[in-house]
Amino acid sequence: MGADDKIKNTAQDLGGKAKETAGKVTDNERLEAEGKADQAEANLKQAGENVKDAFR
């Protein structure tokens, strides 16, 4: 996996955590759900990259 992919996935995960926290603080369920979705997407991308690395 390229370092740039890892950085992008980490940034998306952190952004998702920030959105989730902001949603909880402001009682905004939509924002909280978006944050969780961003985190899940970042985790799936990371898992895909790990699988690709395993076959190299």
PDB file of N, CA and C in Angstrom:
ATOM      1  N   MET A   1       0.855  -1.173   0.000  1.00  0.00           N
ATOM      2  CA  MET A   1       0.000   0.000   0.000  1.00  0.00           C
ATOM      3  C   MET A   1       0.893   1.224   0.000  1.00  0.00           C
ATOM      4  N   GLY A   2       0.466   2.210  -0.753  1.00  0.00           N
ATOM      5  CA  GLY A   2       1.224   3.444  -0.808  1.00  0.00           C
ATOM      6  C   GLY A   2       0.988   4.285   0.428  1.00  0.00           C
ATOM      7  N   ALA A   3       1.981   5.038   0.774  1.00  0.00           N
ATOM      8  CA  ALA A   3       1.871   5.902   1.953  1.00  0.00           C
ATOM      9  C   ALA A   3       0.766   6.934   1.776  1.00  0.00           C
ATOM     10  N   ASP A   4       0.577   7.388   0.542  1.00  0.00           N
ATOM     11  CA  ASP A   4      -0.463   8.381   0.299  1.00  0.00           C
ATOM     12  C   ASP A   4      -1.854   7.807   0.531  1.00  0.00           C
ATOM     13  N   ASP A   5      -2.067   6.526   0.178  1.00  0.00           N
ATOM     14  CA  ASP A   5      -3.360   5.878   0.437  1.00  0.00           C
ATOM     15  C   ASP A   5      -3.612   5.757   1.933  1.00  0.00           C
ATOM     16  N   LYS A   6      -2.568   5.397   2.653  1.00  0.00           N
ATOM     17  CA  LYS A   6      -2.701   5.240   4.102  1.00  0.00           C
ATOM     18  C   LYS A   6      -3.041   6.586   4.750  1.00  0.00           C
ATOM     19  N   ILE A   7      -2.406   7.633   4.284  1.00  0.00           N
ATOM     20  CA  ILE A   7      -2.665   8.975   4.821  1.00  0.00           C
ATOM     21  C   ILE A   7      -4.094   9.401   4.511  1.00  0.00           C
ATOM     22  N   LYS A   8      -4.550   9.145   3.285  1.00  0.00           N
ATOM     23  CA  LYS A   8      -5.919   9.503   2.896  1.00  0.00           C
ATOM     24  C   LYS A   8      -6.939   8.744   3.737  1.00  0.00           C
ATOM     25  N   ASN A   9      -6.709   7.447   3.940  1.00  0.00           N
ATOM     26  CA  ASN A   9      -7.636   6.645   4.748  1.00  0.00           C
ATOM     27  C   ASN A   9      -7.665   7.122   6.194  1.00  0.00           C
ATOM     28  N   THR A  10      -6.515   7.444   6.733  1.00  0.00           N
ATOM     29  CA  THR A  10      -6.441   7.933   8.105  1.00  0.00           C
ATOM     30  C   THR A  10      -7.133   9.287   8.226  1.00  0.00           C
ATOM     31  N   ALA A  11      -6.924  10.143   7.250  1.00  0.00           N
ATOM     32  CA  ALA A  11      -7.572  11.459   7.265  1.00  0.00           C
ATOM     33  C   ALA A  11      -9.091  11.314   7.191  1.00  0.00           C
ATOM     34  N   GLN A  12      -9.563  10.392   6.351  1.00  0.00           N
ATOM     35  CA  GLN A  12     -11.005  10.179   6.245  1.00  0.00           C
ATOM     36  C   GLN A  12     -11.558   9.628   7.556  1.00  0.00           C
ATOM     37  N   ASP A  13     -10.824   8.732   8.193  1.00  0.00           N
ATOM     38  CA  ASP A  13     -11.255   8.171   9.472  1.00  0.00           C
ATOM     39  C   ASP A  13     -11.319   9.259  10.537  1.00  0.00           C
ATOM     40  N   LEU A  14     -10.296  10.090  10.599  1.00  0.00           N
ATOM     41  CA  LEU A  14     -10.278  11.169  11.592  1.00  0.00           C
ATOM     42  C   LEU A  14     -11.379  12.193  11.326  1.00  0.00           C
ATOM     43  N   GLY A  15     -11.607  12.481  10.052  1.00  0.00           N
ATOM     44  CA  GLY A  15     -12.692  13.392   9.696  1.00  0.00           C
ATOM     45  C   GLY A  15     -14.039  12.823  10.110  1.00  0.00           C
ATOM     46  N   GLY A  16     -14.197  11.530   9.921  1.00  0.00           N
ATOM     47  CA  GLY A  16     -15.427  10.866  10.335  1.00  0.00           C
ATOM     48  C   GLY A  16     -15.630  10.916  11.841  1.00  0.00           C
ATOM     49  N   LYS A  17     -14.540  10.724  12.576  1.00  0.00           N
ATOM     50  CA  LYS A  17     -14.637  10.805  14.036  1.00  0.00           C
ATOM     51  C   LYS A  17     -15.012  12.214  14.483  1.00  0.00           C
ATOM     52  N   ALA A  18     -14.453  13.199  13.799  1.00  0.00           N
ATOM     53  CA  ALA A  18     -14.779  14.591  14.133  1.00  0.00           C
ATOM     54  C   ALA A  18     -16.249  14.883  13.837  1.00  0.00           C
ATOM     55  N   LYS A  19     -16.742  14.409  12.690  1.00  0.00           N
ATOM     56  CA  LYS A  19     -18.152  14.601  12.348  1.00  0.00           C
ATOM     57  C   LYS A  19     -19.058  13.911  13.361  1.00  0.00           C
ATOM     58  N   GLU A  20     -18.691  12.691  13.729  1.00  0.00           N
ATOM     59  CA  GLU A  20     -19.504  11.939  14.689  1.00  0.00           C
ATOM     60  C   GLU A  20     -19.571  12.673  16.027  1.00  0.00           C
ATOM     61  N   THR A  21     -18.432  13.154  16.482  1.00  0.00           N
ATOM     62  CA  THR A  21     -18.377  13.885  17.747  1.00  0.00           C
ATOM     63  C   THR A  21     -19.181  15.174  17.670  1.00  0.00           C
ATOM     64  N   ALA A  22     -19.034  15.899  16.578  1.00  0.00           N
ATOM     65  CA  ALA A  22     -19.794  17.139  16.399  1.00  0.00           C
ATOM     66  C   ALA A  22     -21.289  16.849  16.383  1.00  0.00           C
ATOM     67  N   GLY A  23     -21.669  15.760  15.752  1.00  0.00           N
ATOM     68  CA  GLY A  23     -23.075  15.380  15.726  1.00  0.00           C
ATOM     69  C   GLY A  23     -23.611  15.051  17.099  1.00  0.00           C
ATOM     70  N   LYS A  24     -22.802  14.374  17.908  1.00  0.00           N
ATOM     71  CA  LYS A  24     -23.226  14.044  19.273  1.00  0.00           C
ATOM     72  C   LYS A  24     -23.374  15.305  20.115  1.00  0.00           C
ATOM     73  N   VAL A  25     -22.406  16.200  19.994  1.00  0.00           N
ATOM     74  CA  VAL A  25     -22.408  17.423  20.795  1.00  0.00           C
ATOM     75  C   VAL A  25     -23.592  18.315  20.447  1.00  0.00           C
ATOM     76  N   THR A  26     -23.895  18.408  19.154  1.00  0.00           N
ATOM     77  CA  THR A  26     -24.977  19.285  18.709  1.00  0.00           C
ATOM     78  C   THR A  26     -26.316  18.557  18.597  1.00  0.00           C
ATOM     79  N   ASP A  27     -26.338  17.285  18.958  1.00  0.00           N
ATOM     80  CA  ASP A  27     -27.532  16.453  18.881  1.00  0.00           C
ATOM     81  C   ASP A  27     -28.061  16.394  17.446  1.00  0.00           C
ATOM     82  N   ASN A  28     -27.129  16.299  16.494  1.00  0.00           N
ATOM     83  CA  ASN A  28     -27.457  16.230  15.076  1.00  0.00           C
ATOM     84  C   ASN A  28     -27.224  14.786  14.615  1.00  0.00           C
ATOM     85  N   GLU A  29     -28.304  14.025  14.529  1.00  0.00           N
ATOM     86  CA  GLU A  29     -28.189  12.611  14.189  1.00  0.00           C
ATOM     87  C   GLU A  29     -27.653  12.387  12.778  1.00  0.00           C
ATOM     88  N   ARG A  30     -28.013  13.265  11.845  1.00  0.00           N
ATOM     89  CA  ARG A  30     -27.548  13.121  10.465  1.00  0.00           C
ATOM     90  C   ARG A  30     -26.028  13.263  10.392  1.00  0.00           C
ATOM     91  N   LEU A  31     -25.488  14.269  11.066  1.00  0.00           N
ATOM     92  CA  LEU A  31     -24.043  14.495  11.065  1.00  0.00           C
ATOM     93  C   LEU A  31     -23.322  13.333  11.751  1.00  0.00           C
ATOM     94  N   GLU A  32     -23.894  12.858  12.824  1.00  0.00           N
ATOM     95  CA  GLU A  32     -23.307  11.725  13.537  1.00  0.00           C
ATOM     96  C   GLU A  32     -23.274  10.487  12.623  1.00  0.00           C
ATOM     97  N   ALA A  33     -24.351  10.247  11.894  1.00  0.00           N
ATOM     98  CA  ALA A  33     -24.419   9.105  10.976  1.00  0.00           C
ATOM     99  C   ALA A  33     -23.419   9.261   9.830  1.00  0.00           C
ATOM    100  N   GLU A  34     -23.273  10.473   9.316  1.00  0.00           N
ATOM    101  CA  GLU A  34     -22.283  10.719   8.249  1.00  0.00           C
ATOM    102  C   GLU A  34     -20.879  10.396   8.748  1.00  0.00           C
ATOM    103  N   GLY A  35     -20.587  10.791   9.981  1.00  0.00           N
ATOM    104  CA  GLY A  35     -19.277  10.511  10.557  1.00  0.00           C
ATOM    105  C   GLY A  35     -19.014   9.026  10.674  1.00  0.00           C
ATOM    106  N   LYS A  36     -20.014   8.287  11.122  1.00  0.00           N
ATOM    107  CA  LYS A  36     -19.864   6.832  11.238  1.00  0.00           C
ATOM    108  C   LYS A  36     -19.680   6.209   9.854  1.00  0.00           C
ATOM    109  N   ALA A  37     -20.410   6.714   8.868  1.00  0.00           N
ATOM    110  CA  ALA A  37     -20.282   6.192   7.506  1.00  0.00           C
ATOM    111  C   ALA A  37     -18.892   6.470   6.943  1.00  0.00           C
ATOM    112  N   ASP A  38     -18.374   7.659   7.193  1.00  0.00           N
ATOM    113  CA  ASP A  38     -17.018   7.995   6.722  1.00  0.00           C
ATOM    114  C   ASP A  38     -15.984   7.067   7.342  1.00  0.00           C
ATOM    115  N   GLN A  39     -16.153   6.783   8.628  1.00  0.00           N
ATOM    116  CA  GLN A  39     -15.218   5.889   9.304  1.00  0.00           C
ATOM    117  C   GLN A  39     -15.300   4.475   8.729  1.00  0.00           C
ATOM    118  N   ALA A  40     -16.507   4.006   8.483  1.00  0.00           N
ATOM    119  CA  ALA A  40     -16.686   2.664   7.932  1.00  0.00           C
ATOM    120  C   ALA A  40     -16.057   2.568   6.537  1.00  0.00           C
ATOM    121  N   GLU A  41     -16.251   3.603   5.727  1.00  0.00           N
ATOM    122  CA  GLU A  41     -15.680   3.611   4.383  1.00  0.00           C
ATOM    123  C   GLU A  41     -14.155   3.583   4.447  1.00  0.00           C
ATOM    124  N   ALA A  42     -13.587   4.358   5.345  1.00  0.00           N
ATOM    125  CA  ALA A  42     -12.128   4.379   5.493  1.00  0.00           C
ATOM    126  C   ALA A  42     -11.614   3.013   5.940  1.00  0.00           C
ATOM    127  N   ASN A  43     -12.337   2.368   6.839  1.00  0.00           N
ATOM    128  CA  ASN A  43     -11.921   1.050   7.314  1.00  0.00           C
ATOM    129  C   ASN A  43     -11.999   0.010   6.199  1.00  0.00           C
ATOM    130  N   LEU A  44     -13.029   0.087   5.354  1.00  0.00           N
ATOM    131  CA  LEU A  44     -13.139  -0.841   4.227  1.00  0.00           C
ATOM    132  C   LEU A  44     -12.005  -0.631   3.227  1.00  0.00           C
ATOM    133  N   LYS A  45     -11.681   0.615   2.955  1.00  0.00           N
ATOM    134  CA  LYS A  45     -10.574   0.909   2.042  1.00  0.00           C
ATOM    135  C   LYS A  45      -9.271   0.355   2.603  1.00  0.00           C
ATOM    136  N   GLN A  46      -9.066   0.539   3.893  1.00  0.00           N
ATOM    137  CA  GLN A  46      -7.851   0.055   4.544  1.00  0.00           C
ATOM    138  C   GLN A  46      -7.777  -1.471   4.463  1.00  0.00           C
ATOM    139  N   ALA A  47      -8.895  -2.138   4.693  1.00  0.00           N
ATOM    140  CA  ALA A  47      -8.927  -3.598   4.622  1.00  0.00           C
ATOM    141  C   ALA A  47      -8.612  -4.067   3.201  1.00  0.00           C
ATOM    142  N   GLY A  48      -9.157  -3.383   2.205  1.00  0.00           N
ATOM    143  CA  GLY A  48      -8.861  -3.728   0.821  1.00  0.00           C
ATOM    144  C   GLY A  48      -7.391  -3.580   0.494  1.00  0.00           C
ATOM    145  N   GLU A  49      -6.795  -2.521   0.986  1.00  0.00           N
ATOM    146  CA  GLU A  49      -5.361  -2.317   0.761  1.00  0.00           C
ATOM    147  C   GLU A  49      -4.549  -3.413   1.454  1.00  0.00           C
ATOM    148  N   ASN A  50      -4.965  -3.824   2.635  1.00  0.00           N
ATOM    149  CA  ASN A  50      -4.253  -4.886   3.353  1.00  0.00           C
ATOM    150  C   ASN A  50      -4.333  -6.216   2.593  1.00  0.00           C
ATOM    151  N   VAL A  51      -5.486  -6.491   1.992  1.00  0.00           N
ATOM    152  CA  VAL A  51      -5.631  -7.716   1.198  1.00  0.00           C
ATOM    153  C   VAL A  51      -4.711  -7.669  -0.011  1.00  0.00           C
ATOM    154  N   LYS A  52      -4.677  -6.520  -0.689  1.00  0.00           N
ATOM    155  CA  LYS A  52      -3.785  -6.385  -1.845  1.00  0.00           C
ATOM    156  C   LYS A  52      -2.340  -6.596  -1.431  1.00  0.00           C
ATOM    157  N   ASP A  53      -1.964  -6.045  -0.280  1.00  0.00           N
ATOM    158  CA  ASP A  53      -0.588  -6.193   0.190  1.00  0.00           C
ATOM    159  C   ASP A  53      -0.254  -7.658   0.511  1.00  0.00           C
ATOM    160  N   ALA A  54      -1.237  -8.398   1.001  1.00  0.00           N
ATOM    161  CA  ALA A  54      -1.008  -9.794   1.369  1.00  0.00           C
ATOM    162  C   ALA A  54      -0.679 -10.649   0.142  1.00  0.00           C
ATOM    163  N   PHE A  55      -1.171 -10.262  -1.024  1.00  0.00           N
ATOM    164  CA  PHE A  55      -0.934 -11.033  -2.234  1.00  0.00           C
ATOM    165  C   PHE A  55       0.249 -10.556  -3.045  1.00  0.00           C
ATOM    166  N   ARG A  56       0.996  -9.640  -2.522  1.00  0.00           N
ATOM    167  CA  ARG A  56       2.192  -9.156  -3.236  1.00  0.00           C
ATOM    168  C   ARG A  56       3.399  -9.943  -2.840  1.00  0.00           C
TER     169      ARG A  56
END
